[in-house]
Every structure is written in C-alpha cells, then in structure tokens.
Amino acid sequence: LSRLRAIADALKVTINDVMVAMCAGAMRLYLIDKDALPDAPLIAAMPVSMHTDDDADGNNITAIMVNLATDQPDPERRLQTIVASTRRTKEIVRGLSPLQALALGAANFAPLAFSTVPGFVRYTPPQFNLIISNVPGPKTDMYWNGAKLDGVYPASIPLGGQALNITVATTAEHMNFGLIGARKEVPSLQRLLTHLDTSLEELEKVAHVTS
C-alpha cells in the first residue's frame, strides 16, 4: 500500500486511480501475451459508494463505467485517461439525486440480471468487460490470539458474460488482489499477478519513485 501511496502522492491522483491503472496495465500485458489485445479499450464497471458524512446508512452504492485505456501503450497516458474517465463519471453521479444514482447503477448492471436466459448475453452484452471493486478494510493492524492479520483476499463471482472479476481489499499495510476468472476464457490466470507487479513498476517509473 505504501508503494501505491507514493505514486498517488507524486502524481496527485488517488490510490484507487493507481490500483485501476495497475489492473489496466496487467490486462494489456496479459492480452498481448495471448495475442488477443483488442483495438478498442476495455471498459470496467466499478462500484462506488454514495456515502456522505450525513448519511445514516453508508451502504448505498452505484456503479460507474471507466475507460481502462488498454489500447494505450504509454503507462502515463493510460493513467491520465483512467483518471479523466473516473472523475468525469463521478461528477455525473454527484449531480444526480440518490434515487437517480441508484437507478443509473441498476441500469448499468441490468443486462446481467438476464444472463441466465439462453443467448441473452450473446445478443445483448453488457457495456463493460470486467468488474473492478475496491473494498476498504481495517486501517490499523488486527490480531487474533496474538497472530497478526497479514492479508484479506476477496473471492468475488464473475457474472454471466464476464470472464474476470477483480476485487481488492485493503488492510493496514497492504492492498490485496483477488482475481476470479473463467478457466476456459482466461487461461493461466496466475500470470496476471506477475503483470500486476510489472504494471506497478511501470507506474513507479512514471512517478519517479522507488520501492
């Protein structure tokens, strides 16, 4: 987490922006390895909290679409595109009422509700390629019977029409990546872990920080 924070501070972006850029860079490298990189950029659906300090219930969320710029070979420009896309869509959501924002999220995910209908996803695919979620965890070290919690690795579910789901959970010192994919469509999924490291190193070079 300290490595992501150093990049975020140097480039004046958020840790979440850096995390998404890591995923985008890793996806680009993985697809290049498979000779399957599309000309158009991948689009990620990202759940975002609508919680405010005045909320009695902080569990209200919606979903935004983020351009991952996987068609962009330059990691700095890729990050810039991700930041611009995220900020633009978040500004739109902030301009909506809570009910409108919830409706927007529901509309974005609506095609997945019918994914069990034979042929539906094929003819009416969702407008995004994968889901990337960031789940905040404890901000201080946690222990159980004297044993320190080293990490929390989330296990999410790829829905119909989705071959990959990336969910990250933060702990006091780490950002833990949970990758769940369809074996047939995303073979050798473990290679994405190496690509995540490579993508992080690329961003550190852009930010001129060292790990």
Protein backbone atom coordinates (compact mmCIF):
# COMPACT_ATOMS: atom_id res chain seq x y z
CA LEU A 1 0.00 0.00 0.00
CA SER A 2 2.92 2.33 0.69
CA ARG A 3 4.12 1.87 -2.92
CA LEU A 4 0.71 2.83 -4.31
CA ARG A 5 0.50 5.80 -1.94
CA ALA A 6 3.92 7.07 -3.06
CA ILE A 7 2.79 7.02 -6.70
CA ALA A 8 -0.51 8.68 -5.86
CA ASP A 9 1.19 11.47 -3.91
CA ALA A 10 3.80 12.09 -6.62
CA LEU A 11 1.26 12.23 -9.46
CA LYS A 12 -1.54 13.98 -7.49
CA VAL A 13 -4.04 11.16 -8.05
CA THR A 14 -5.84 8.76 -5.72
CA ILE A 15 -4.67 5.35 -4.56
CA ASN A 16 -7.76 3.96 -6.27
CA ASP A 17 -6.60 5.54 -9.56
CA VAL A 18 -3.25 3.79 -9.17
CA MET A 19 -4.94 0.48 -8.40
CA VAL A 20 -7.13 0.72 -11.50
CA ALA A 21 -4.11 1.65 -13.62
CA MET A 22 -2.31 -1.42 -12.28
CA CYS A 23 -5.23 -3.60 -13.38
CA ALA A 24 -5.37 -1.92 -16.78
CA GLY A 25 -1.66 -2.38 -17.37
CA ALA A 26 -1.83 -6.00 -16.27
CA MET A 27 -4.78 -6.70 -18.57
CA ARG A 28 -2.95 -5.13 -21.51
CA LEU A 29 0.17 -7.25 -20.91
CA TYR A 30 -1.91 -10.41 -20.44
CA LEU A 31 -3.86 -9.86 -23.66
CA ILE A 32 -0.68 -9.10 -25.59
CA ASP A 33 0.73 -12.41 -24.35
CA LYS A 34 -2.38 -14.14 -25.71
CA ASP A 35 -2.27 -12.16 -28.98
CA ALA A 36 -5.77 -11.02 -28.12
CA LEU A 37 -5.47 -7.30 -27.36
CA PRO A 38 -8.50 -5.54 -28.90
CA ASP A 39 -8.14 -2.23 -30.74
CA ALA A 40 -10.80 -0.66 -28.50
CA PRO A 41 -10.03 -0.10 -24.80
CA LEU A 42 -11.54 -2.38 -22.18
CA ILE A 43 -14.27 -0.84 -20.04
CA ALA A 44 -14.56 -1.64 -16.34
CA ALA A 45 -17.63 -1.36 -14.17
CA MET A 46 -16.69 0.00 -10.75
CA PRO A 47 -19.00 0.11 -7.74
CA VAL A 48 -18.71 3.46 -5.94
CA SER A 49 -20.07 4.49 -2.58
CA MET A 50 -22.61 7.29 -2.36
CA HIS A 51 -21.98 7.60 1.35
CA THR A 52 -21.71 11.11 2.78
CA ASP A 53 -20.88 12.25 6.29
CA ASP A 54 -24.57 12.97 6.88
CA ASP A 55 -25.77 9.51 5.82
CA ALA A 56 -27.39 7.29 8.39
CA ASP A 57 -26.72 4.36 6.08
CA GLY A 58 -23.33 4.24 4.37
CA ASN A 59 -24.07 1.15 2.27
CA ASN A 60 -25.66 2.90 -0.71
CA ILE A 61 -23.65 2.29 -3.85
CA THR A 62 -23.95 2.76 -7.58
CA ALA A 63 -21.73 1.76 -10.50
CA ILE A 64 -19.71 3.80 -12.96
CA MET A 65 -18.03 2.88 -16.25
CA VAL A 66 -14.29 3.53 -16.51
CA ASN A 67 -12.18 3.57 -19.66
CA LEU A 68 -9.11 1.40 -18.88
CA ALA A 69 -7.18 2.72 -21.90
CA THR A 70 -5.75 -0.74 -22.62
CA ASP A 71 -5.20 0.41 -26.20
CA GLN A 72 -2.65 2.95 -24.92
CA PRO A 73 0.93 1.61 -24.70
CA ASP A 74 2.23 4.53 -22.63
CA PRO A 75 1.52 3.91 -18.90
CA GLU A 76 1.44 7.64 -18.10
CA ARG A 77 -1.16 8.41 -20.76
CA ARG A 78 -3.09 5.31 -19.73
CA LEU A 79 -3.25 6.59 -16.15
CA GLN A 80 -4.30 10.06 -17.35
CA THR A 81 -7.15 8.56 -19.35
CA ILE A 82 -8.29 6.46 -16.38
CA VAL A 83 -8.22 9.47 -14.04
CA ALA A 84 -10.14 11.63 -16.52
CA SER A 85 -12.72 8.91 -17.11
CA THR A 86 -13.22 8.24 -13.39
CA ARG A 87 -13.53 11.91 -12.45
CA ARG A 88 -15.93 12.65 -15.31
CA THR A 89 -18.29 9.81 -14.42
CA LYS A 90 -18.12 10.55 -10.69
CA GLU A 91 -19.05 14.18 -11.39
CA ILE A 92 -22.09 12.97 -13.30
CA VAL A 93 -23.13 10.75 -10.39
CA ARG A 94 -22.67 13.58 -7.89
CA GLY A 95 -25.09 15.68 -9.94
CA LEU A 96 -27.83 13.08 -9.54
CA SER A 97 -30.22 12.54 -6.70
CA PRO A 98 -29.59 9.37 -4.62
CA LEU A 99 -32.51 7.63 -6.34
CA GLN A 100 -31.26 8.63 -9.79
CA ALA A 101 -27.74 7.42 -8.95
CA LEU A 102 -29.09 4.07 -7.78
CA ALA A 103 -31.15 3.79 -10.95
CA LEU A 104 -28.06 4.50 -13.04
CA GLY A 105 -26.16 1.70 -11.33
CA ALA A 106 -29.10 -0.65 -11.79
CA ALA A 107 -29.32 0.22 -15.47
CA ASN A 108 -25.60 -0.40 -15.97
CA PHE A 109 -25.91 -3.89 -14.49
CA ALA A 110 -29.35 -4.68 -15.91
CA PRO A 111 -28.12 -7.00 -18.71
CA LEU A 112 -26.52 -9.29 -16.12
CA ALA A 113 -29.89 -9.87 -14.49
CA PHE A 114 -30.94 -11.80 -17.59
CA SER A 115 -27.63 -13.62 -18.10
CA THR A 116 -29.22 -16.99 -17.31
CA VAL A 117 -31.56 -16.64 -20.29
CA PRO A 118 -30.03 -18.70 -23.13
CA GLY A 119 -28.47 -16.47 -25.77
CA PHE A 120 -29.26 -13.20 -23.97
CA VAL A 121 -25.65 -12.19 -23.22
CA ARG A 122 -24.56 -13.10 -26.74
CA TYR A 123 -27.08 -10.74 -28.34
CA THR A 124 -27.30 -8.14 -25.56
CA PRO A 125 -23.85 -7.98 -23.99
CA PRO A 126 -23.22 -5.67 -21.04
CA GLN A 127 -21.47 -2.39 -21.80
CA PHE A 128 -18.42 -3.33 -19.73
CA ASN A 129 -15.80 -6.08 -19.96
CA LEU A 130 -14.99 -6.72 -16.31
CA ILE A 131 -15.75 -5.53 -12.81
CA ILE A 132 -13.09 -3.91 -10.60
CA SER A 133 -14.03 -3.32 -6.96
CA ASN A 134 -12.12 -1.71 -4.11
CA VAL A 135 -13.27 -2.75 -0.63
CA PRO A 136 -11.75 -0.70 2.22
CA GLY A 137 -10.58 -2.80 5.12
CA PRO A 138 -9.13 -2.10 8.57
CA LYS A 139 -6.77 0.88 8.73
CA THR A 140 -4.83 -0.49 11.70
CA ASP A 141 -3.16 -3.84 12.26
CA MET A 142 -5.51 -6.51 13.56
CA TYR A 143 -4.68 -9.54 15.67
CA TRP A 144 -6.39 -12.72 16.81
CA ASN A 145 -4.86 -14.56 19.78
CA GLY A 146 -1.62 -12.72 19.11
CA ALA A 147 -1.50 -13.63 15.40
CA LYS A 148 -1.24 -10.63 13.08
CA LEU A 149 -3.62 -10.41 10.12
CA ASP A 150 -1.35 -10.50 7.06
CA GLY A 151 -3.92 -10.14 4.30
CA VAL A 152 -7.52 -10.40 3.17
CA TYR A 153 -8.08 -11.86 -0.29
CA PRO A 154 -11.64 -11.41 -1.57
CA ALA A 155 -13.36 -14.03 -3.71
CA SER A 156 -15.95 -12.46 -5.99
CA ILE A 157 -18.04 -14.07 -8.72
CA PRO A 158 -17.78 -13.38 -12.46
CA LEU A 159 -21.37 -12.95 -13.60
CA GLY A 160 -22.87 -14.08 -16.89
CA GLY A 161 -20.98 -12.60 -19.82
CA GLN A 162 -18.00 -11.80 -17.60
CA ALA A 163 -14.74 -13.76 -17.79
CA LEU A 164 -12.93 -11.91 -14.99
CA ASN A 165 -13.67 -10.15 -11.74
CA ILE A 166 -11.01 -8.20 -9.85
CA THR A 167 -11.74 -7.24 -6.25
CA VAL A 168 -9.17 -5.68 -3.96
CA ALA A 169 -9.35 -5.33 -0.20
CA THR A 170 -7.07 -3.09 1.81
CA THR A 171 -5.58 -3.86 5.19
CA ALA A 172 -3.39 -1.65 7.32
CA GLU A 173 -0.28 -2.16 5.18
CA HIS A 174 -1.35 -3.95 2.02
CA MET A 175 -3.69 -3.89 -0.95
CA ASN A 176 -4.77 -7.48 -1.58
CA PHE A 177 -5.88 -8.51 -5.08
CA GLY A 178 -8.48 -11.23 -5.56
CA LEU A 179 -8.77 -12.39 -9.17
CA ILE A 180 -11.53 -14.80 -10.14
CA GLY A 181 -11.77 -15.85 -13.78
CA ALA A 182 -13.36 -18.39 -16.09
CA ARG A 183 -10.69 -21.01 -16.74
CA LYS A 184 -11.59 -21.53 -20.41
CA GLU A 185 -11.77 -17.84 -21.34
CA VAL A 186 -8.91 -16.67 -19.11
CA PRO A 187 -6.28 -19.45 -19.08
CA SER A 188 -3.12 -19.10 -16.98
CA LEU A 189 -4.85 -16.51 -14.82
CA GLN A 190 -1.92 -16.54 -12.38
CA ARG A 191 0.15 -14.67 -14.98
CA LEU A 192 -1.93 -11.60 -14.19
CA LEU A 193 -0.24 -11.49 -10.78
CA THR A 194 3.15 -11.05 -12.43
CA HIS A 195 1.69 -8.46 -14.78
CA LEU A 196 0.26 -6.54 -11.81
CA ASP A 197 3.79 -6.30 -10.38
CA THR A 198 5.15 -5.18 -13.75
CA SER A 199 2.40 -2.58 -14.11
CA LEU A 200 3.15 -1.22 -10.63
CA GLU A 201 6.84 -0.92 -11.52
CA GLU A 202 5.93 0.98 -14.70
CA LEU A 203 3.87 3.45 -12.67
CA GLU A 204 6.71 3.91 -10.19
CA LYS A 205 8.98 4.87 -13.11
CA VAL A 206 6.37 7.35 -14.32
CA ALA A 207 6.15 8.87 -10.84
CA HIS A 208 9.94 8.73 -10.32
CA VAL A 209 9.60 6.86 -7.05
CA THR A 210 11.44 3.75 -5.92
CA SER A 211 10.04 0.77 -4.00
